[in-house]
Protein backbone atom coordinates (compact mmCIF):
# COMPACT_ATOMS: atom_id res chain seq x y z
CA MET A 1 13.85 -31.64 -4.26
CA TYR A 2 13.91 -27.93 -4.42
CA ILE A 3 11.10 -25.12 -4.31
CA SER A 4 10.95 -21.64 -5.76
CA VAL A 5 11.71 -18.26 -4.23
CA LYS A 6 7.84 -17.76 -4.42
CA GLN A 7 7.15 -21.19 -2.88
CA ALA A 8 9.40 -20.43 -0.05
CA ALA A 9 8.08 -16.99 0.43
CA GLU A 10 4.70 -18.60 0.65
CA LYS A 11 5.89 -21.19 2.99
CA TRP A 12 7.67 -18.90 5.58
CA GLY A 13 5.29 -15.94 5.29
CA ILE A 14 7.65 -13.40 3.97
CA SER A 15 8.09 -11.44 0.71
CA ASP A 16 9.64 -12.89 -2.36
CA ARG A 17 12.21 -10.06 -2.22
CA ARG A 18 13.12 -10.92 1.38
CA VAL A 19 13.87 -14.50 0.32
CA ARG A 20 16.23 -13.37 -2.45
CA ILE A 21 18.00 -11.29 -0.08
CA LEU A 22 18.40 -14.28 2.40
CA CYS A 23 19.65 -16.22 -0.47
CA SER A 24 22.23 -13.72 -1.44
CA GLU A 25 23.45 -13.35 1.88
CA GLY A 26 24.10 -17.04 2.23
CA LYS A 27 21.41 -17.70 5.24
CA ILE A 28 19.48 -20.43 3.43
CA PRO A 29 21.91 -23.60 3.57
CA GLY A 30 21.83 -25.52 0.23
CA VAL A 31 20.66 -22.93 -2.30
CA ILE A 32 21.70 -23.18 -5.83
CA ARG A 33 21.82 -20.15 -8.33
CA GLU A 34 20.92 -20.55 -11.70
CA GLY A 35 20.98 -17.34 -13.73
CA ARG A 36 18.97 -14.78 -11.83
CA SER A 37 16.93 -17.42 -10.22
CA TRP A 38 17.27 -19.53 -6.78
CA ARG A 39 16.58 -23.26 -6.04
CA ILE A 40 15.88 -23.63 -2.44
CA PRO A 41 15.74 -27.09 -0.68
CA ALA A 42 12.31 -28.17 0.04
CA GLU A 43 13.25 -29.18 3.62
CA ALA A 44 15.18 -25.87 4.27
CA GLU A 45 13.59 -24.27 7.56
CA LYS A 46 13.04 -20.43 7.78
CA PRO A 47 16.23 -18.83 8.40
CA GLU A 48 16.85 -16.49 11.49
CA ASP A 49 16.37 -12.95 10.41
CA GLY A 50 17.86 -10.21 12.49
CA ARG A 51 15.50 -7.69 11.24
CA TYR A 52 12.89 -9.08 13.57
CA LYS A 53 14.26 -7.85 16.73
CA SER A 54 14.65 -4.30 15.54
CA ALA A 55 11.25 -4.68 14.12
CA GLU A 56 9.91 -5.64 17.48
CA ASN A 57 11.43 -2.71 19.11
CA LEU A 58 10.08 -0.48 16.23
CA LEU A 59 6.49 -1.87 16.85
CA GLU A 60 6.91 -1.22 20.79
CA ARG A 61 7.83 2.37 20.01
CA ILE A 62 4.86 3.01 17.70
CA ASP A 63 2.43 1.74 20.23
CA ARG A 64 4.07 3.82 23.00
CA LYS A 65 3.42 6.74 20.67
CA LYS A 66 -0.29 5.47 20.29
CA THR A 67 -0.86 5.57 23.83
CA GLU A 68 0.43 8.76 24.20
CA LEU A 69 -1.65 9.98 21.34
CA ASP A 70 -4.78 8.17 22.86
CA SER A 71 -4.21 9.95 26.22
CA ARG A 72 -4.72 13.48 24.43
CA ARG A 73 -7.97 12.40 22.71
CA PRO A 74 -10.69 13.24 21.72
CA LEU A 75 -9.62 16.50 20.14
CA THR A 76 -12.03 19.33 19.88
CA GLU A 77 -14.13 19.33 16.78
CA GLY A 78 -12.37 22.24 15.56
CA GLU A 79 -8.72 21.02 16.29
CA ALA A 80 -9.62 17.54 14.43
CA GLU A 81 -11.24 19.10 11.41
CA ARG A 82 -8.06 21.59 10.92
CA LEU A 83 -5.55 18.76 11.27
CA THR A 84 -7.58 16.33 9.06
CA GLU A 85 -7.85 19.25 6.18
CA GLU A 86 -4.28 19.99 6.47
CA PHE A 87 -3.26 16.29 6.20
CA ALA A 88 -5.51 15.77 3.47
CA VAL A 89 -4.03 18.39 1.25
CA GLU A 90 -0.52 17.17 1.92
CA TYR A 91 -1.30 13.48 1.68
CA THR A 92 -3.23 14.11 -1.75
CA TYR A 93 -0.19 15.96 -2.98
CA ASN A 94 2.40 13.41 -2.01
CA SER A 95 0.45 10.24 -3.22
CA ASN A 96 -0.45 11.87 -6.59
CA ALA A 97 3.38 13.22 -6.92
CA ILE A 98 4.71 9.84 -6.55
CA GLU A 99 2.52 8.58 -9.42
CA GLY A 100 3.81 11.61 -11.63
CA ASN A 101 1.16 14.24 -10.91
CA THR A 102 2.71 17.80 -11.63
CA LEU A 103 0.85 19.84 -9.21
CA THR A 104 2.85 21.46 -6.35
CA LEU A 105 1.56 21.26 -2.93
CA ARG A 106 0.35 24.95 -3.24
CA GLU A 107 -1.35 24.12 -6.43
CA THR A 108 -3.01 21.07 -5.14
CA ASP A 109 -4.61 23.19 -1.97
CA LEU A 110 -5.95 25.50 -4.58
CA VAL A 111 -7.48 22.83 -6.92
CA LEU A 112 -9.21 21.38 -3.49
CA ARG A 113 -10.49 24.89 -3.06
CA GLY A 114 -12.12 24.63 -6.48
CA LEU A 115 -9.60 26.81 -8.43
CA THR A 116 -7.97 25.90 -11.79
CA ILE A 117 -4.24 26.01 -12.43
CA ASP A 118 -3.22 27.71 -15.57
CA GLN A 119 -0.91 25.48 -17.89
CA LYS A 120 -1.61 22.13 -15.78
CA PRO A 121 -3.39 19.28 -17.34
CA LEU A 122 -6.82 18.60 -16.57
CA LYS A 123 -5.94 14.96 -15.77
CA ASP A 124 -3.86 16.30 -12.58
CA HIS A 125 -6.81 18.36 -11.43
CA MET A 126 -9.04 15.48 -11.69
CA GLU A 127 -6.55 13.40 -9.81
CA ALA A 128 -6.29 15.79 -7.02
CA VAL A 129 -9.94 15.84 -6.47
CA GLY A 130 -10.71 12.15 -6.93
CA HIS A 131 -7.96 11.55 -4.30
CA LYS A 132 -9.60 13.90 -1.89
CA GLU A 133 -13.14 12.33 -2.41
CA ALA A 134 -11.47 8.96 -2.13
CA PHE A 135 -9.85 10.01 1.31
CA ASP A 136 -13.09 11.52 2.52
CA PHE A 137 -14.90 8.31 1.55
CA VAL A 138 -12.11 6.06 3.62
CA ARG A 139 -12.82 8.42 6.68
CA ASP A 140 -16.60 7.58 6.52
CA LEU A 141 -15.95 3.85 6.11
CA VAL A 142 -13.74 4.14 9.34
CA LYS A 143 -16.77 4.72 11.26
CA THR A 144 -18.52 1.38 10.06
CA GLN A 145 -15.42 -0.84 10.87
CA GLU A 146 -16.69 -3.03 8.00
CA PRO A 147 -13.82 -5.85 7.28
CA LEU A 148 -11.79 -5.22 4.08
CA SER A 149 -13.20 -6.48 0.93
CA GLU A 150 -13.14 -6.52 -2.96
CA ARG A 151 -16.08 -4.24 -3.02
CA ILE A 152 -14.73 -1.71 -0.77
CA ILE A 153 -11.58 -1.87 -2.59
CA LYS A 154 -13.16 -1.16 -5.96
CA GLN A 155 -15.34 1.63 -4.47
CA ILE A 156 -12.03 3.45 -3.09
CA HIS A 157 -10.59 2.87 -6.83
CA TYR A 158 -13.68 4.10 -8.59
CA LEU A 159 -13.23 7.51 -6.73
CA VAL A 160 -9.18 7.59 -7.28
CA LEU A 161 -9.53 7.13 -11.05
CA ALA A 162 -11.71 10.21 -11.81
CA ASP A 163 -10.12 10.77 -15.04
CA LYS A 164 -10.61 7.38 -16.80
CA ARG A 165 -14.16 6.41 -16.56
CA GLU A 166 -14.09 3.10 -18.42
CA ASP A 167 -11.28 1.68 -16.19
CA ARG A 168 -12.86 2.82 -12.68
CA GLY A 169 -13.45 0.33 -10.19
CA VAL A 170 -12.83 -2.66 -12.30
CA TYR A 171 -9.98 -5.16 -12.56
CA ARG A 172 -7.84 -4.74 -15.56
CA ARG A 173 -8.37 -7.16 -18.46
CA VAL A 174 -4.95 -7.07 -19.97
CA PRO A 175 -1.41 -7.90 -19.00
CA VAL A 176 0.81 -5.18 -17.60
CA ARG A 177 4.53 -4.51 -16.96
CA ILE A 178 5.77 -2.04 -14.12
CA MET A 179 8.45 -0.11 -15.56
CA GLY A 180 11.77 -0.90 -13.86
CA ALA A 181 10.47 -3.68 -11.70
CA LYS A 182 11.57 -6.98 -11.42
CA HIS A 183 8.27 -8.52 -10.40
CA GLU A 184 5.81 -9.19 -13.21
CA PRO A 185 2.02 -8.64 -12.05
CA VAL A 186 -0.25 -11.67 -12.21
CA GLN A 187 -2.23 -12.54 -15.37
CA PRO A 188 -5.78 -11.04 -15.65
CA TYR A 189 -7.43 -14.23 -15.18
CA LEU A 190 -5.66 -14.65 -11.84
CA ILE A 191 -6.43 -11.13 -10.19
CA GLN A 192 -9.94 -12.35 -8.85
CA PRO A 193 -8.69 -15.54 -7.05
CA LYS A 194 -5.44 -13.85 -5.95
CA MET A 195 -7.33 -10.87 -4.36
CA GLU A 196 -9.65 -13.28 -2.58
CA GLN A 197 -6.55 -15.29 -1.16
CA LEU A 198 -5.04 -12.00 -0.18
CA LEU A 199 -8.21 -10.57 1.67
CA GLU A 200 -8.94 -14.01 3.55
CA SER A 201 -5.11 -14.09 4.68
CA TYR A 202 -5.15 -10.40 5.92
CA ASN A 203 -8.59 -10.66 7.57
CA ASN A 204 -7.91 -13.91 9.23
CA SER A 205 -4.36 -12.63 10.53
CA LYS A 206 -3.73 -12.14 14.32
CA GLU A 207 -0.45 -10.38 13.49
CA HIS A 208 0.25 -6.68 14.70
CA ILE A 209 -1.59 -4.36 12.41
CA ILE A 210 1.60 -2.60 11.20
CA PRO A 211 3.48 -5.59 9.74
CA ARG A 212 0.26 -7.19 8.58
CA LEU A 213 -0.51 -3.95 6.49
CA ALA A 214 3.03 -3.86 5.35
CA ARG A 215 2.74 -7.30 3.87
CA PHE A 216 -0.76 -6.59 2.48
CA HIS A 217 0.51 -3.34 0.75
CA ILE A 218 3.46 -5.20 -1.02
CA GLU A 219 1.27 -8.09 -2.23
CA PHE A 220 -1.46 -5.76 -3.29
CA GLU A 221 0.85 -3.74 -5.34
CA GLY A 222 2.45 -7.13 -6.70
CA ILE A 223 -0.90 -8.34 -7.91
CA HIS A 224 -1.66 -4.85 -9.39
CA PRO A 225 -5.30 -5.45 -9.89
CA PHE A 226 -6.34 -2.28 -11.69
CA ILE A 227 -4.87 -0.94 -15.02
CA ASP A 228 -3.90 2.65 -13.17
CA GLY A 229 -4.38 4.00 -9.56
CA ASN A 230 -2.87 0.98 -7.94
CA GLY A 231 -0.41 2.92 -5.79
CA ARG A 232 -2.85 5.56 -4.64
CA THR A 233 -5.64 3.11 -4.16
CA GLY A 234 -3.09 0.75 -1.99
CA ARG A 235 -2.05 3.83 0.06
CA LEU A 236 -5.66 4.66 0.69
CA LEU A 237 -6.14 1.07 1.98
CA VAL A 238 -3.38 1.25 4.46
CA ASN A 239 -4.71 4.35 6.06
CA LEU A 240 -8.14 2.90 5.97
CA GLU A 241 -7.11 -0.17 7.93
CA LEU A 242 -4.75 2.16 10.27
CA MET A 243 -7.50 4.44 11.38
CA LYS A 244 -10.06 1.35 11.79
CA ALA A 245 -7.26 0.29 14.29
CA GLY A 246 -7.18 3.59 16.04
CA TYR A 247 -3.99 4.87 14.62
CA PRO A 248 -3.55 8.02 12.60
CA PRO A 249 -3.13 7.84 9.02
CA ILE A 250 0.31 8.16 7.41
CA ASP A 251 1.64 10.03 4.42
CA ILE A 252 4.53 8.70 2.43
CA LYS A 253 6.46 11.78 1.12
CA PHE A 254 7.21 12.46 -2.56
CA THR A 255 10.95 13.05 -1.26
CA ASP A 256 11.01 9.69 0.10
CA ARG A 257 9.50 7.83 -3.04
CA ILE A 258 12.87 5.99 -3.80
CA ALA A 259 13.19 4.36 -0.29
CA TYR A 260 9.54 3.52 -0.89
CA TYR A 261 9.97 1.93 -4.06
CA ASN A 262 13.00 -0.16 -2.69
CA VAL A 263 10.71 -1.98 -0.39
CA PHE A 264 8.92 -3.59 -3.59
């Protein structure tokens, strides 16, 4: 009896992509390749993965850095505000640029100060303002320590998608395809149960926050619950949960987008 890549991924708690890599590297005995698909023996055990040792070392380094950061807290109100505003501008620029926004970093800063950039689309202006408002909302949510929920996700998406009123904060109603991606997002009727399953798994997990969030982000983007704004919303969710856990927010650079895409 054989199982699919997706079934093996769920059984072993790893991504579909990782299962395919392990199959191609010959680390799963008895696998059979059929075209672009893999058939995996149902009794196959999760293979040893050399990444985990290095991942554990990385987590240790991250936690040491966090301990060092905690020793320097609290910052003065002025320092904290200055760092937050600088981060918000760069983060808004990078997260939007990854999705095709044409504003430069300098232009993003000017737009967030209330100025209009000549010969740049209104959509790009609205995306910058919407993302900044969403990040401010995320910062407020951190103070409440409320568990992540569909309601919170939709509220964040509502702010992100400032240029598309009819699609803000609602799950998509039509099938979609992601250009250049091998993975096909779930059908609309499966979005609700898949999101419920994802959130239950995430909120009940005792795993370290970093790999837990990485897995959540990959699975969230795989579900692709909204017609647009999934990437920006997903990255905001990562930062919401990081800050709730006492970590600083992260900014995935536009220049690192290829490496970021390859994770999916």
